[in-house]
Protein backbone atom coordinates (compact mmCIF):
# COMPACT_ATOMS: atom_id res chain seq x y z
CA MET A 1 106.39 117.33 130.72
CA ARG A 2 108.20 118.05 127.47
CA HIS A 3 106.56 119.20 124.27
CA LEU A 4 108.18 117.70 121.16
CA GLN A 5 107.96 118.92 117.60
CA ILE A 6 108.95 116.12 115.24
CA LYS A 7 109.41 115.83 111.51
CA ILE A 8 109.03 112.34 110.05
CA SER A 9 110.24 111.60 106.52
CA LEU A 10 109.97 108.44 104.45
CA ILE A 11 113.47 107.95 103.08
CA ASP A 12 114.47 106.95 99.54
CA SER A 13 111.03 107.81 98.14
CA HIS A 14 110.98 109.26 94.63
CA LEU A 15 108.22 111.59 95.86
CA PRO A 16 108.72 113.64 99.04
CA ILE A 17 106.56 112.17 101.81
CA TRP A 18 106.86 113.82 105.22
CA ARG A 19 104.85 115.11 108.18
CA ARG A 20 105.50 117.59 110.97
CA PHE A 21 103.63 117.01 114.22
CA GLN A 22 103.63 117.94 117.89
CA MET A 23 103.08 115.77 120.92
CA ASN A 24 103.84 115.36 124.60
CA ASP A 25 106.57 112.98 125.72
CA ASP A 26 104.33 110.85 127.96
CA TYR A 27 103.72 108.23 125.26
CA ARG A 28 105.13 104.72 125.50
CA LEU A 29 106.95 103.60 122.36
CA ASP A 30 104.16 101.19 121.40
CA ARG A 31 101.72 104.10 121.46
CA PHE A 32 104.21 106.37 119.72
CA HIS A 33 104.16 103.73 116.97
CA GLN A 34 100.39 104.13 116.74
CA VAL A 35 100.76 107.92 116.50
CA ILE A 36 103.17 107.46 113.60
CA GLN A 37 100.75 105.08 111.88
CA VAL A 38 97.99 107.68 112.04
CA VAL A 39 100.23 110.61 111.06
CA MET A 40 101.65 108.81 108.05
CA GLY A 41 98.44 107.06 107.00
CA TRP A 42 99.58 103.44 107.40
CA TRP A 43 97.14 100.67 108.36
CA ASN A 44 99.09 99.15 111.28
CA ALA A 45 99.14 95.82 109.45
CA HIS A 46 102.81 94.85 109.94
CA LEU A 47 105.58 94.64 112.50
CA HIS A 48 107.86 97.58 113.21
CA GLU A 49 110.95 98.61 115.14
CA PHE A 50 112.56 101.74 116.52
CA SER A 51 116.31 102.40 116.47
CA ILE A 52 117.27 104.85 119.21
CA GLY A 53 120.80 105.44 120.42
CA GLY A 54 122.09 102.26 118.78
CA ARG A 55 119.40 100.08 120.36
CA LYS A 56 116.32 98.45 118.85
CA PHE A 57 112.85 98.51 120.36
CA GLY A 58 109.71 96.81 119.13
CA MET A 59 106.87 94.38 119.74
CA LEU A 60 107.99 91.11 121.30
CA LEU A 61 105.87 88.14 120.22
CA ASN A 62 107.77 85.54 122.28
CA ASP A 63 107.20 83.00 119.52
CA GLY A 64 110.80 82.10 118.78
CA TRP A 65 110.97 84.49 115.82
CA ASP A 66 111.75 87.70 117.67
CA ILE A 67 114.71 89.67 116.34
CA PRO A 68 117.81 89.24 118.52
CA GLN A 69 118.60 92.26 120.72
CA MET A 70 115.08 93.64 120.26
CA GLU A 71 113.85 95.25 123.48
CA ASP A 72 110.25 95.41 124.61
CA GLU A 73 108.84 98.77 123.51
CA THR A 74 106.13 98.71 126.19
CA ARG A 75 108.81 99.23 128.85
CA PHE A 76 109.96 102.59 127.47
CA SER A 77 108.36 106.02 127.14
CA LEU A 78 109.61 108.99 125.13
CA LYS A 79 110.14 110.95 128.34
CA HIS A 80 112.81 108.49 129.47
CA PHE A 81 115.15 109.15 126.54
CA PRO A 82 117.60 112.08 126.82
CA PHE A 83 116.64 113.58 123.48
CA LYS A 84 118.19 116.83 122.29
CA GLU A 85 117.08 119.04 119.44
CA GLY A 86 118.40 117.57 116.20
CA ASP A 87 118.42 113.98 117.47
CA GLN A 88 117.01 111.34 115.14
CA ILE A 89 115.00 108.17 115.54
CA VAL A 90 114.81 105.51 112.84
CA TYR A 91 111.41 103.85 112.50
CA LEU A 92 111.07 100.78 110.29
CA TYR A 93 107.60 99.58 109.31
CA ASP A 94 106.94 96.27 107.55
CA PHE A 95 110.02 94.05 107.49
CA GLY A 96 109.11 92.92 103.97
CA ASP A 97 108.59 96.27 102.23
CA ASN A 98 111.06 97.99 104.59
CA TRP A 99 109.45 101.41 104.85
CA THR A 100 112.18 103.33 106.65
CA HIS A 101 111.42 106.65 108.28
CA ILE A 102 113.66 109.24 109.90
CA LEU A 103 112.14 111.19 112.78
CA GLU A 104 114.01 114.38 113.67
CA ILE A 105 113.39 116.06 117.01
CA GLU A 106 113.08 119.65 115.79
CA SER A 107 112.28 121.31 119.11
CA ILE A 108 111.87 120.43 122.78
CA ARG A 109 110.04 122.70 125.18
CA GLU A 110 109.12 122.37 128.82
CA GLU A 111 105.44 123.22 128.65
CA LYS A 112 102.07 122.19 129.94
CA LYS A 113 100.21 119.46 128.10
CA ILE A 114 99.55 120.25 124.44
CA PRO A 115 97.20 118.55 121.97
CA LEU A 116 98.49 115.82 119.71
CA LYS A 117 98.45 117.50 116.32
CA CYS A 118 99.82 117.22 112.78
CA LEU A 119 100.99 120.64 111.66
CA GLU A 120 101.79 120.09 107.99
CA GLY A 121 103.14 117.60 105.50
CA THR A 122 103.21 116.51 101.90
CA GLY A 123 102.71 113.35 99.89
CA ARG A 124 100.10 110.62 99.99
CA CYS A 125 100.99 107.62 102.13
CA PRO A 126 102.04 104.69 99.90
CA TYR A 127 99.81 101.65 99.51
CA GLU A 128 100.43 98.79 101.92
CA ASP A 129 102.17 95.72 100.48
CA CYS A 130 103.15 97.41 97.22
CA GLY A 131 106.83 96.41 97.41
CA GLY A 132 108.51 99.28 99.25
CA VAL A 133 109.66 102.56 97.73
CA GLY A 134 110.71 100.87 94.47
CA GLY A 135 107.41 99.05 94.14
CA TYR A 136 105.48 102.24 94.90
CA ALA A 137 107.35 104.15 92.18
CA HIS A 138 106.61 101.34 89.72
CA MET A 139 102.95 101.31 90.75
CA ILE A 140 102.55 105.05 90.20
CA GLU A 141 104.19 104.75 86.79
CA ALA A 142 101.79 101.97 85.81
CA MET A 143 98.70 103.67 87.23
CA THR A 144 99.37 106.98 85.49
CA ASP A 145 100.17 105.45 82.10
CA PRO A 146 97.14 103.85 80.39
CA ASN A 147 99.51 102.15 77.94
CA HIS A 148 101.57 100.49 80.65
CA PRO A 149 101.25 96.67 80.46
CA GLU A 150 100.38 96.53 84.17
CA HIS A 151 98.04 99.52 84.18
CA MET A 152 94.84 97.55 84.82
CA PHE A 153 96.47 95.36 87.44
CA TYR A 154 97.63 98.30 89.55
CA GLN A 155 94.41 100.24 89.04
CA GLU A 156 92.82 97.64 91.33
CA TYR A 157 94.73 99.19 94.25
CA ASN A 158 92.82 102.42 93.70
CA ASP A 159 89.37 102.37 95.32
CA ALA A 160 88.27 105.65 93.73
CA GLU A 161 87.14 106.06 90.14
CA THR A 162 89.69 108.80 89.52
CA LEU A 163 93.43 108.59 90.01
CA PRO A 164 94.54 110.07 93.35
CA ASP A 165 96.91 113.02 93.65
CA PHE A 166 100.01 111.28 94.99
CA THR A 167 101.46 114.59 96.22
CA PHE A 168 98.36 115.64 98.20
CA PHE A 169 98.16 115.62 101.99
CA ASP A 170 95.40 117.02 104.21
CA PRO A 171 96.35 117.40 107.91
CA LYS A 172 92.70 118.02 108.85
CA VAL A 173 91.84 114.41 108.06
CA ILE A 174 94.79 113.14 110.10
CA ASN A 175 93.99 115.41 113.05
CA LYS A 176 90.49 113.98 113.35
CA GLU A 177 92.02 110.54 113.87
CA LEU A 178 94.73 111.87 116.19
CA LYS A 179 92.08 113.49 118.38
CA LYS A 180 90.30 110.15 118.72
CA PHE A 181 93.54 108.35 119.54
CA GLU A 182 94.63 110.97 122.08
CA LYS A 183 91.30 110.68 123.86
CA TRP A 184 91.75 106.90 124.07
CA HIS A 185 95.37 107.28 125.18
CA ASN A 186 94.43 109.62 128.01
CA LYS A 187 91.56 107.46 129.25
CA HIS A 188 93.31 104.12 129.40
CA PRO A 189 95.75 103.24 132.15
CA ARG A 190 99.34 102.59 131.16
CA LYS A 191 101.76 99.99 132.36
CA LYS A 192 104.72 101.26 134.30
CA SER A 193 107.71 101.89 132.03
CA THR A 194 111.37 101.93 132.92
CA PRO A 195 113.12 105.32 133.28
CA TRP A 196 116.15 105.62 131.01
CA HIS A 197 118.57 106.15 133.92
CA GLN A 198 117.47 102.84 135.47
CA ILE A 199 118.07 100.77 132.33
């Protein structure tokens, strides 16, 4: 089993938003997606896709609207890709807002099983459905300026009475959720996935 250290960064954001986390490579891509959702702080409310080695992987709905050339992510596990240190994965979340993330494989070690864990990071996860990185920048501008014409409108996105610190990130909160997900992942049986060399 390989131990991966990965840095995920939301690209084109006016504020730096990134996480560094560690995991084993025995996760299918659909469950890797769920790890990313927890690590970043998304709500898992939209479709997504992975771009790996020039190929696209994602959730197939078989409803006539699937993206051409999209491959079924449930057939592939991280362990079946010949990753090297420095390799990158592109992860796109929400085809409307187009939240694009770069995942860099920072280190690969052959080790015994390690806990799924977020090591560090910075930046609050953006609000869902706020219009992508441009919409998020506009929202922050409006929320932080009481004289902005859309100040009250965007304040409705904020559940707390005080304005959040958009640069703050607490890995302890994320790790509580990752621990729950890892426990579920280990308990539930997994479908057989296709080794990379057999594709």
